[in-house]
Amino acid sequence: MTEATSAPTPAPELPDRLSVDPRSPHHLAAVFERDIGIRFNDKERHDVEEYCISEGWVKVPAGKTLDRKGKPLLLTLKGKVEAFYK
């Protein structure tokens, strides 16, 4: 008899660049099956829309300002970026 193992599926490795927007070429749906944390300049941020670790930037909404398509206007902040699973 073969024993069925129900080991949890390992999480995919976090990419160097990731976007929340499903229309972006940098969006990976498999990564969003788990909670992701972003640490920017040694502080955890909860409002990051996109990040790039190698280039050292994150994109965050500029308050409640919207662009002409109704999406949040994003600001690019430069610094030390770390991504991790919670």
C-alpha atoms as a PDB file:
ATOM      1  CA  MET A   1       0.000   0.000   0.000  1.00  0.00           C
ATOM      2  CA  THR A   2       1.187   3.458  -0.848  1.00  0.00           C
ATOM      3  CA  GLU A   3       0.767   6.077   1.806  1.00  0.00           C
ATOM      4  CA  ALA A   4      -0.566   9.409   0.531  1.00  0.00           C
ATOM      5  CA  THR A   5       1.375  12.353   1.848  1.00  0.00           C
ATOM      6  CA  SER A   6      -0.301  15.707   2.102  1.00  0.00           C
ATOM      7  CA  ALA A   7       2.792  17.871   2.261  1.00  0.00           C
ATOM      8  CA  PRO A   8       2.069  21.560   1.737  1.00  0.00           C
ATOM      9  CA  THR A   9       2.957  22.887  -1.686  1.00  0.00           C
ATOM     10  CA  PRO A  10       6.174  24.893  -1.471  1.00  0.00           C
ATOM     11  CA  ALA A  11       5.735  28.578  -2.208  1.00  0.00           C
ATOM     12  CA  PRO A  12       7.264  29.803  -5.462  1.00  0.00           C
ATOM     13  CA  GLU A  13      10.396  31.871  -5.070  1.00  0.00           C
ATOM     14  CA  LEU A  14       9.687  35.591  -4.941  1.00  0.00           C
ATOM     15  CA  PRO A  15      10.754  37.274  -8.194  1.00  0.00           C
ATOM     16  CA  ASP A  16      13.106  40.240  -8.468  1.00  0.00           C
ATOM     17  CA  ARG A  17      10.236  42.366  -9.809  1.00  0.00           C
ATOM     18  CA  LEU A  18       6.549  41.918  -8.998  1.00  0.00           C
ATOM     19  CA  SER A  19       3.365  43.891  -9.657  1.00  0.00           C
ATOM     20  CA  VAL A  20      -0.093  43.718  -8.079  1.00  0.00           C
ATOM     21  CA  ASP A  21      -1.771  44.752 -11.368  1.00  0.00           C
ATOM     22  CA  PRO A  22      -2.941  41.612 -13.257  1.00  0.00           C
ATOM     23  CA  ARG A  23      -2.431  43.390 -16.602  1.00  0.00           C
ATOM     24  CA  SER A  24       1.271  43.927 -15.930  1.00  0.00           C
ATOM     25  CA  PRO A  25       3.850  41.557 -17.471  1.00  0.00           C
ATOM     26  CA  HIS A  26       5.427  41.402 -13.976  1.00  0.00           C
ATOM     27  CA  HIS A  27       2.299  39.941 -12.316  1.00  0.00           C
ATOM     28  CA  LEU A  28       2.567  36.299 -11.157  1.00  0.00           C
ATOM     29  CA  ALA A  29      -0.732  34.969  -9.801  1.00  0.00           C
ATOM     30  CA  ALA A  30       0.902  31.939  -8.127  1.00  0.00           C
ATOM     31  CA  VAL A  31       2.912  34.224  -5.832  1.00  0.00           C
ATOM     32  CA  PHE A  32      -0.244  35.965  -4.553  1.00  0.00           C
ATOM     33  CA  GLU A  33      -1.716  32.724  -3.187  1.00  0.00           C
ATOM     34  CA  ARG A  34       0.214  33.530   0.005  1.00  0.00           C
ATOM     35  CA  ASP A  35       0.631  36.797   1.907  1.00  0.00           C
ATOM     36  CA  ILE A  36       3.663  38.796   0.837  1.00  0.00           C
ATOM     37  CA  GLY A  37       5.482  41.373   2.925  1.00  0.00           C
ATOM     38  CA  ILE A  38       7.650  44.207   1.628  1.00  0.00           C
ATOM     39  CA  ARG A  39      10.312  45.830   3.786  1.00  0.00           C
ATOM     40  CA  PHE A  40      11.453  49.194   2.383  1.00  0.00           C
ATOM     41  CA  ASN A  41      14.400  50.898   4.099  1.00  0.00           C
ATOM     42  CA  ASP A  42      14.006  48.516   7.064  1.00  0.00           C
ATOM     43  CA  LYS A  43      10.298  49.388   7.599  1.00  0.00           C
ATOM     44  CA  GLU A  44       7.438  47.121   6.543  1.00  0.00           C
ATOM     45  CA  ARG A  45       5.099  48.756   3.992  1.00  0.00           C
ATOM     46  CA  HIS A  46       1.537  47.630   3.297  1.00  0.00           C
ATOM     47  CA  ASP A  47       0.760  49.929   0.342  1.00  0.00           C
ATOM     48  CA  VAL A  48       3.282  48.713  -2.267  1.00  0.00           C
ATOM     49  CA  GLU A  49       1.804  48.198  -5.763  1.00  0.00           C
ATOM     50  CA  GLU A  50       5.042  47.117  -7.493  1.00  0.00           C
ATOM     51  CA  TYR A  51       8.656  46.531  -6.487  1.00  0.00           C
ATOM     52  CA  CYS A  52      12.067  45.755  -7.965  1.00  0.00           C
ATOM     53  CA  ILE A  53      14.727  44.437  -5.617  1.00  0.00           C
ATOM     54  CA  SER A  54      17.752  44.694  -7.942  1.00  0.00           C
ATOM     55  CA  GLU A  55      16.997  48.295  -8.973  1.00  0.00           C
ATOM     56  CA  GLY A  56      15.955  49.279  -5.408  1.00  0.00           C
ATOM     57  CA  TRP A  57      12.536  50.878  -5.862  1.00  0.00           C
ATOM     58  CA  VAL A  58       8.886  50.483  -4.908  1.00  0.00           C
ATOM     59  CA  LYS A  59       5.768  52.089  -6.354  1.00  0.00           C
ATOM     60  CA  VAL A  60       3.146  53.315  -3.888  1.00  0.00           C
ATOM     61  CA  PRO A  61      -0.127  55.249  -4.376  1.00  0.00           C
ATOM     62  CA  ALA A  62       0.040  59.043  -4.057  1.00  0.00           C
ATOM     63  CA  GLY A  63      -2.768  59.481  -1.527  1.00  0.00           C
ATOM     64  CA  LYS A  64      -6.226  59.393  -3.094  1.00  0.00           C
ATOM     65  CA  THR A  65      -5.064  60.901  -6.399  1.00  0.00           C
ATOM     66  CA  LEU A  66      -6.244  59.006  -9.488  1.00  0.00           C
ATOM     67  CA  ASP A  67      -4.906  59.045 -13.035  1.00  0.00           C
ATOM     68  CA  ARG A  68      -7.145  59.640 -16.062  1.00  0.00           C
ATOM     69  CA  LYS A  69      -8.071  55.942 -16.204  1.00  0.00           C
ATOM     70  CA  GLY A  70      -9.264  55.915 -12.582  1.00  0.00           C
ATOM     71  CA  LYS A  71      -6.273  53.994 -11.218  1.00  0.00           C
ATOM     72  CA  PRO A  72      -4.190  55.325  -8.294  1.00  0.00           C
ATOM     73  CA  LEU A  73      -1.357  57.639  -9.277  1.00  0.00           C
ATOM     74  CA  LEU A  74       1.880  55.911  -8.252  1.00  0.00           C
ATOM     75  CA  LEU A  75       5.058  57.409  -6.824  1.00  0.00           C
ATOM     76  CA  THR A  76       8.405  55.653  -7.206  1.00  0.00           C
ATOM     77  CA  LEU A  77      10.490  55.574  -4.027  1.00  0.00           C
ATOM     78  CA  LYS A  78      14.120  54.471  -4.117  1.00  0.00           C
ATOM     79  CA  GLY A  79      15.891  52.588  -1.351  1.00  0.00           C
ATOM     80  CA  LYS A  80      16.608  49.151   0.057  1.00  0.00           C
ATOM     81  CA  VAL A  81      13.846  46.643  -0.861  1.00  0.00           C
ATOM     82  CA  GLU A  82      13.249  43.198   0.688  1.00  0.00           C
ATOM     83  CA  ALA A  83      10.361  40.864  -0.155  1.00  0.00           C
ATOM     84  CA  PHE A  84       9.293  37.932   2.025  1.00  0.00           C
ATOM     85  CA  TYR A  85       6.406  35.562   2.687  1.00  0.00           C
ATOM     86  CA  LYS A  86       4.496  36.225   5.904  1.00  0.00           C
END
